[in-house]
């Protein structure tokens, strides 16, 4: 395990409106406000999204199981924001439900808001971390590095 201690920076309240692209808008805000490390809490409704709901088998690199929906669902999510090279990467896990059906996983694509999503993004300061490509895992993963923060 690796860790660093940081402190809280700015806190942003975001309101996403009907048909907004959730992931795109979070990235856009992170670029505009230069948020390099942060956490995301959100709730509301989503029209559609593509989610990874686990690996098909417990092997590395993982072969993801994709679950897509387009029937408008409630969402409750938590995520992190780190940068890879020159762009922010959002790692957002959420539970999305409609009626008695719930999916839980990582929101990865086609994330369209239904009616409204409310989010709080908390900036973390003094943390030297980013996403880098992990060849063994076959995906970008968190790297906590020493040095200037």
C-alpha atoms as a PDB file:
ATOM      1  CA  UNK A   1       0.000   0.000   0.000  1.00  0.00           C
ATOM      2  CA  UNK A   2       1.058   3.545  -0.723  1.00  0.00           C
ATOM      3  CA  UNK A   3      -0.493   6.707   0.642  1.00  0.00           C
ATOM      4  CA  UNK A   4      -0.053  10.436   1.028  1.00  0.00           C
ATOM      5  CA  UNK A   5      -1.634  12.970   3.318  1.00  0.00           C
ATOM      6  CA  UNK A   6      -3.236  16.022   1.804  1.00  0.00           C
ATOM      7  CA  UNK A   7      -5.794  18.645   2.651  1.00  0.00           C
ATOM      8  CA  UNK A   8      -9.119  19.807   1.347  1.00  0.00           C
ATOM      9  CA  UNK A   9      -9.102  22.448  -1.335  1.00  0.00           C
ATOM     10  CA  UNK A  10     -12.051  24.002  -3.096  1.00  0.00           C
ATOM     11  CA  UNK A  11     -15.496  22.438  -3.067  1.00  0.00           C
ATOM     12  CA  UNK A  12     -17.691  22.658  -6.167  1.00  0.00           C
ATOM     13  CA  UNK A  13     -21.436  22.137  -6.405  1.00  0.00           C
ATOM     14  CA  UNK A  14     -22.533  21.056  -9.871  1.00  0.00           C
ATOM     15  CA  UNK A  15     -26.036  20.777 -11.288  1.00  0.00           C
ATOM     16  CA  UNK A  16     -26.331  18.730 -14.465  1.00  0.00           C
ATOM     17  CA  UNK A  17     -29.462  19.175 -16.530  1.00  0.00           C
ATOM     18  CA  UNK A  18     -31.515  16.895 -18.734  1.00  0.00           C
ATOM     19  CA  UNK A  19     -29.466  15.283 -21.530  1.00  0.00           C
ATOM     20  CA  UNK A  20     -26.103  16.645 -20.292  1.00  0.00           C
ATOM     21  CA  UNK A  21     -23.225  14.218 -20.855  1.00  0.00           C
ATOM     22  CA  UNK A  22     -22.255  13.538 -17.247  1.00  0.00           C
ATOM     23  CA  UNK A  23     -18.653  12.355 -17.730  1.00  0.00           C
ATOM     24  CA  UNK A  24     -17.883  14.995 -20.359  1.00  0.00           C
ATOM     25  CA  UNK A  25     -19.194  17.829 -18.176  1.00  0.00           C
ATOM     26  CA  UNK A  26     -17.190  16.687 -15.128  1.00  0.00           C
ATOM     27  CA  UNK A  27     -14.029  16.575 -17.256  1.00  0.00           C
ATOM     28  CA  UNK A  28     -14.804  19.994 -18.739  1.00  0.00           C
ATOM     29  CA  UNK A  29     -15.215  21.494 -15.267  1.00  0.00           C
ATOM     30  CA  UNK A  30     -11.953  19.878 -14.062  1.00  0.00           C
ATOM     31  CA  UNK A  31     -10.080  21.431 -16.984  1.00  0.00           C
ATOM     32  CA  UNK A  32     -11.726  24.839 -16.579  1.00  0.00           C
ATOM     33  CA  UNK A  33     -11.022  24.964 -12.826  1.00  0.00           C
ATOM     34  CA  UNK A  34      -7.692  23.057 -12.977  1.00  0.00           C
ATOM     35  CA  UNK A  35      -8.785  20.433 -10.461  1.00  0.00           C
ATOM     36  CA  UNK A  36      -5.939  17.887 -10.547  1.00  0.00           C
ATOM     37  CA  UNK A  37      -7.029  15.526  -7.735  1.00  0.00           C
ATOM     38  CA  UNK A  38     -10.487  15.198  -6.272  1.00  0.00           C
ATOM     39  CA  UNK A  39     -13.466  13.166  -5.191  1.00  0.00           C
ATOM     40  CA  UNK A  40     -16.952  13.140  -6.684  1.00  0.00           C
ATOM     41  CA  UNK A  41     -20.275  12.438  -4.974  1.00  0.00           C
ATOM     42  CA  UNK A  42     -23.450  12.515  -7.019  1.00  0.00           C
ATOM     43  CA  UNK A  43     -27.108  11.590  -7.125  1.00  0.00           C
ATOM     44  CA  UNK A  44     -30.011  12.058  -9.473  1.00  0.00           C
ATOM     45  CA  UNK A  45     -31.187  10.424 -12.671  1.00  0.00           C
ATOM     46  CA  UNK A  46     -29.498   9.147 -15.825  1.00  0.00           C
ATOM     47  CA  UNK A  47     -31.184   8.374 -19.146  1.00  0.00           C
ATOM     48  CA  UNK A  48     -28.478   6.037 -20.339  1.00  0.00           C
ATOM     49  CA  UNK A  49     -24.930   4.881 -19.728  1.00  0.00           C
ATOM     50  CA  UNK A  50     -22.449   2.147 -20.492  1.00  0.00           C
ATOM     51  CA  UNK A  51     -21.108   0.504 -17.347  1.00  0.00           C
ATOM     52  CA  UNK A  52     -18.488  -2.078 -16.542  1.00  0.00           C
ATOM     53  CA  UNK A  53     -20.199  -4.360 -14.037  1.00  0.00           C
ATOM     54  CA  UNK A  54     -17.232  -6.569 -13.260  1.00  0.00           C
ATOM     55  CA  UNK A  55     -14.737  -8.833 -14.996  1.00  0.00           C
ATOM     56  CA  UNK A  56     -15.952 -11.936 -16.805  1.00  0.00           C
ATOM     57  CA  UNK A  57     -13.352 -13.878 -14.785  1.00  0.00           C
ATOM     58  CA  UNK A  58     -10.870 -12.947 -12.050  1.00  0.00           C
ATOM     59  CA  UNK A  59      -7.866 -12.717 -14.391  1.00  0.00           C
ATOM     60  CA  UNK A  60      -5.382  -9.943 -15.158  1.00  0.00           C
ATOM     61  CA  UNK A  61      -5.816  -8.164 -17.485  1.00  0.00           C
ATOM     62  CA  UNK A  62      -9.566  -8.180 -16.937  1.00  0.00           C
ATOM     63  CA  UNK A  63     -12.084  -8.872 -19.685  1.00  0.00           C
ATOM     64  CA  UNK A  64     -14.899  -6.485 -18.702  1.00  0.00           C
ATOM     65  CA  UNK A  65     -18.571  -7.299 -18.569  1.00  0.00           C
ATOM     66  CA  UNK A  66     -20.464  -4.390 -20.135  1.00  0.00           C
ATOM     67  CA  UNK A  67     -23.999  -3.452 -19.166  1.00  0.00           C
ATOM     68  CA  UNK A  68     -25.739  -0.690 -21.086  1.00  0.00           C
ATOM     69  CA  UNK A  69     -29.102   0.835 -20.309  1.00  0.00           C
ATOM     70  CA  UNK A  70     -31.277   3.506 -21.879  1.00  0.00           C
ATOM     71  CA  UNK A  71     -34.444   3.395 -19.783  1.00  0.00           C
ATOM     72  CA  UNK A  72     -33.798   6.261 -17.299  1.00  0.00           C
ATOM     73  CA  UNK A  73     -32.642   5.190 -13.837  1.00  0.00           C
ATOM     74  CA  UNK A  74     -31.879   6.672 -10.451  1.00  0.00           C
ATOM     75  CA  UNK A  75     -28.157   7.050  -9.702  1.00  0.00           C
ATOM     76  CA  UNK A  76     -26.063   7.240  -6.556  1.00  0.00           C
ATOM     77  CA  UNK A  77     -22.340   7.427  -7.194  1.00  0.00           C
ATOM     78  CA  UNK A  78     -18.893   8.109  -5.853  1.00  0.00           C
ATOM     79  CA  UNK A  79     -15.745   8.649  -7.851  1.00  0.00           C
ATOM     80  CA  UNK A  80     -12.264  10.024  -8.116  1.00  0.00           C
ATOM     81  CA  UNK A  81     -10.665  12.519 -10.446  1.00  0.00           C
ATOM     82  CA  UNK A  82      -6.998  12.263 -11.425  1.00  0.00           C
ATOM     83  CA  UNK A  83      -5.159  13.333 -14.545  1.00  0.00           C
ATOM     84  CA  UNK A  84      -3.485  11.124 -17.150  1.00  0.00           C
ATOM     85  CA  UNK A  85      -1.094  13.109 -19.294  1.00  0.00           C
ATOM     86  CA  UNK A  86      -2.985  16.271 -20.280  1.00  0.00           C
ATOM     87  CA  UNK A  87      -6.548  15.291 -19.461  1.00  0.00           C
ATOM     88  CA  UNK A  88      -8.655  14.435 -16.429  1.00  0.00           C
ATOM     89  CA  UNK A  89      -9.812  10.856 -15.950  1.00  0.00           C
ATOM     90  CA  UNK A  90     -12.975  10.126 -14.048  1.00  0.00           C
ATOM     91  CA  UNK A  91     -13.345   6.838 -12.149  1.00  0.00           C
ATOM     92  CA  UNK A  92     -17.015   6.823 -11.203  1.00  0.00           C
ATOM     93  CA  UNK A  93     -18.689   3.863  -9.537  1.00  0.00           C
ATOM     94  CA  UNK A  94     -22.431   4.002  -9.166  1.00  0.00           C
ATOM     95  CA  UNK A  95     -25.551   2.093  -8.414  1.00  0.00           C
ATOM     96  CA  UNK A  96     -28.283   2.775 -10.957  1.00  0.00           C
ATOM     97  CA  UNK A  97     -31.763   1.464 -10.487  1.00  0.00           C
ATOM     98  CA  UNK A  98     -35.252   1.356 -11.917  1.00  0.00           C
ATOM     99  CA  UNK A  99     -38.049  -0.505 -10.182  1.00  0.00           C
ATOM    100  CA  UNK A 100     -36.605  -3.665  -8.661  1.00  0.00           C
ATOM    101  CA  UNK A 101     -33.542  -3.792 -10.939  1.00  0.00           C
ATOM    102  CA  UNK A 102     -30.202  -2.321  -9.881  1.00  0.00           C
ATOM    103  CA  UNK A 103     -26.847  -2.321 -11.644  1.00  0.00           C
ATOM    104  CA  UNK A 104     -23.646  -1.464  -9.824  1.00  0.00           C
ATOM    105  CA  UNK A 105     -20.420  -0.731 -11.626  1.00  0.00           C
ATOM    106  CA  UNK A 106     -18.133   1.798 -13.259  1.00  0.00           C
ATOM    107  CA  UNK A 107     -19.800   4.384 -15.516  1.00  0.00           C
ATOM    108  CA  UNK A 108     -17.603   4.529 -18.626  1.00  0.00           C
ATOM    109  CA  UNK A 109     -19.534   5.900 -21.614  1.00  0.00           C
ATOM    110  CA  UNK A 110     -22.740   7.430 -22.982  1.00  0.00           C
ATOM    111  CA  UNK A 111     -23.717   8.949 -19.639  1.00  0.00           C
ATOM    112  CA  UNK A 112     -26.774  11.087 -20.369  1.00  0.00           C
ATOM    113  CA  UNK A 113     -28.547  12.856 -17.518  1.00  0.00           C
ATOM    114  CA  UNK A 114     -32.272  12.389 -16.981  1.00  0.00           C
ATOM    115  CA  UNK A 115     -33.896  15.473 -15.468  1.00  0.00           C
ATOM    116  CA  UNK A 116     -31.134  16.368 -12.981  1.00  0.00           C
ATOM    117  CA  UNK A 117     -27.940  15.136 -11.352  1.00  0.00           C
ATOM    118  CA  UNK A 118     -26.474  16.970  -8.371  1.00  0.00           C
ATOM    119  CA  UNK A 119     -22.781  16.539  -7.618  1.00  0.00           C
ATOM    120  CA  UNK A 120     -20.199  17.744  -5.145  1.00  0.00           C
ATOM    121  CA  UNK A 121     -16.573  17.700  -6.231  1.00  0.00           C
ATOM    122  CA  UNK A 122     -13.996  18.123  -3.485  1.00  0.00           C
ATOM    123  CA  UNK A 123     -10.489  19.104  -4.519  1.00  0.00           C
ATOM    124  CA  UNK A 124      -7.619  17.412  -2.680  1.00  0.00           C
ATOM    125  CA  UNK A 125      -4.420  19.428  -2.249  1.00  0.00           C
ATOM    126  CA  UNK A 126      -0.896  18.253  -1.466  1.00  0.00           C
ATOM    127  CA  UNK A 127      -1.401  14.876  -3.149  1.00  0.00           C
ATOM    128  CA  UNK A 128       0.986  13.851  -5.907  1.00  0.00           C
ATOM    129  CA  UNK A 129      -1.012  11.291  -7.853  1.00  0.00           C
ATOM    130  CA  UNK A 130      -2.046  10.632 -11.424  1.00  0.00           C
ATOM    131  CA  UNK A 131      -3.292   7.892 -13.716  1.00  0.00           C
ATOM    132  CA  UNK A 132      -0.692   6.006 -15.708  1.00  0.00           C
ATOM    133  CA  UNK A 133      -0.959   3.062 -18.060  1.00  0.00           C
ATOM    134  CA  UNK A 134      -0.407  -0.225 -16.257  1.00  0.00           C
ATOM    135  CA  UNK A 135       0.701  -2.686 -18.932  1.00  0.00           C
ATOM    136  CA  UNK A 136       0.009  -5.777 -16.820  1.00  0.00           C
ATOM    137  CA  UNK A 137      -3.556  -4.692 -16.011  1.00  0.00           C
ATOM    138  CA  UNK A 138      -4.127  -3.265 -19.482  1.00  0.00           C
ATOM    139  CA  UNK A 139      -5.621  -0.035 -18.205  1.00  0.00           C
ATOM    140  CA  UNK A 140      -4.779   3.302 -16.635  1.00  0.00           C
ATOM    141  CA  UNK A 141      -4.392   2.984 -12.874  1.00  0.00           C
ATOM    142  CA  UNK A 142      -3.671   5.283  -9.970  1.00  0.00           C
ATOM    143  CA  UNK A 143      -0.016   6.045  -9.324  1.00  0.00           C
ATOM    144  CA  UNK A 144       0.980   7.768  -6.085  1.00  0.00           C
ATOM    145  CA  UNK A 145       4.397   9.305  -6.498  1.00  0.00           C
ATOM    146  CA  UNK A 146       6.847  11.014  -4.226  1.00  0.00           C
ATOM    147  CA  UNK A 147       8.326  14.394  -4.903  1.00  0.00           C
ATOM    148  CA  UNK A 148       6.782  17.754  -5.610  1.00  0.00           C
ATOM    149  CA  UNK A 149       3.059  17.856  -4.962  1.00  0.00           C
END
